[in-house]
């Protein structure tokens, strides 16, 4: 799945929560911004483990 697979009405109104490893979170954050989601509607938490 990619951010451009998300229906436009959700991209225009939803708040997105992303959790996972730093690369995963960073990649999704960039994708969401690229399709027009404002930074204030993107929440994230990075989980790191050995």
Protein backbone atom coordinates (compact mmCIF):
# COMPACT_ATOMS: atom_id res chain seq x y z
CA UNK A 1 0.00 0.00 0.00
CA UNK A 2 1.08 3.52 -0.73
CA UNK A 3 -0.32 6.88 0.36
CA UNK A 4 -1.73 7.51 -3.11
CA UNK A 5 -3.91 4.37 -2.65
CA UNK A 6 -5.80 6.12 0.17
CA UNK A 7 -9.10 7.66 -1.02
CA UNK A 8 -8.93 11.44 -1.48
CA UNK A 9 -11.69 12.20 1.08
CA UNK A 10 -9.59 10.53 3.78
CA UNK A 11 -6.40 12.28 2.67
CA UNK A 12 -8.25 15.58 2.91
CA UNK A 13 -9.66 15.07 6.41
CA UNK A 14 -8.12 12.22 8.43
CA UNK A 15 -5.39 12.37 11.04
CA UNK A 16 -2.80 9.67 10.37
CA UNK A 17 -1.02 7.67 13.06
CA UNK A 18 2.20 5.91 12.03
CA UNK A 19 4.12 3.57 14.35
CA UNK A 20 7.17 1.46 13.61
CA UNK A 21 10.84 1.60 12.82
CA UNK A 22 12.29 4.98 11.88
CA UNK A 23 12.62 4.15 8.16
CA UNK A 24 9.00 3.01 7.97
CA UNK A 25 7.70 6.09 9.80
CA UNK A 26 9.86 8.47 7.75
CA UNK A 27 8.80 6.86 4.47
CA UNK A 28 5.10 7.07 5.26
CA UNK A 29 5.40 10.65 6.54
CA UNK A 30 7.06 11.68 3.26
CA UNK A 31 4.44 9.88 1.18
CA UNK A 32 1.58 11.52 3.06
CA UNK A 33 3.14 14.96 2.66
CA UNK A 34 3.67 14.29 -1.06
CA UNK A 35 -0.07 13.67 -1.53
CA UNK A 36 -0.98 16.87 0.35
CA UNK A 37 -1.53 15.84 3.98
CA UNK A 38 -0.55 18.69 6.32
CA UNK A 39 2.15 17.91 8.89
CA UNK A 40 -0.25 18.68 11.75
CA UNK A 41 -2.43 15.73 10.75
CA UNK A 42 0.42 13.22 10.86
CA UNK A 43 1.26 11.70 14.24
CA UNK A 44 4.01 9.16 14.71
CA UNK A 45 5.88 7.04 17.18
CA UNK A 46 9.17 5.35 16.42
CA UNK A 47 9.83 1.91 17.89
CA UNK A 48 13.45 0.79 17.92
CA UNK A 49 14.66 -2.63 19.00
CA UNK A 50 17.86 -4.56 18.54
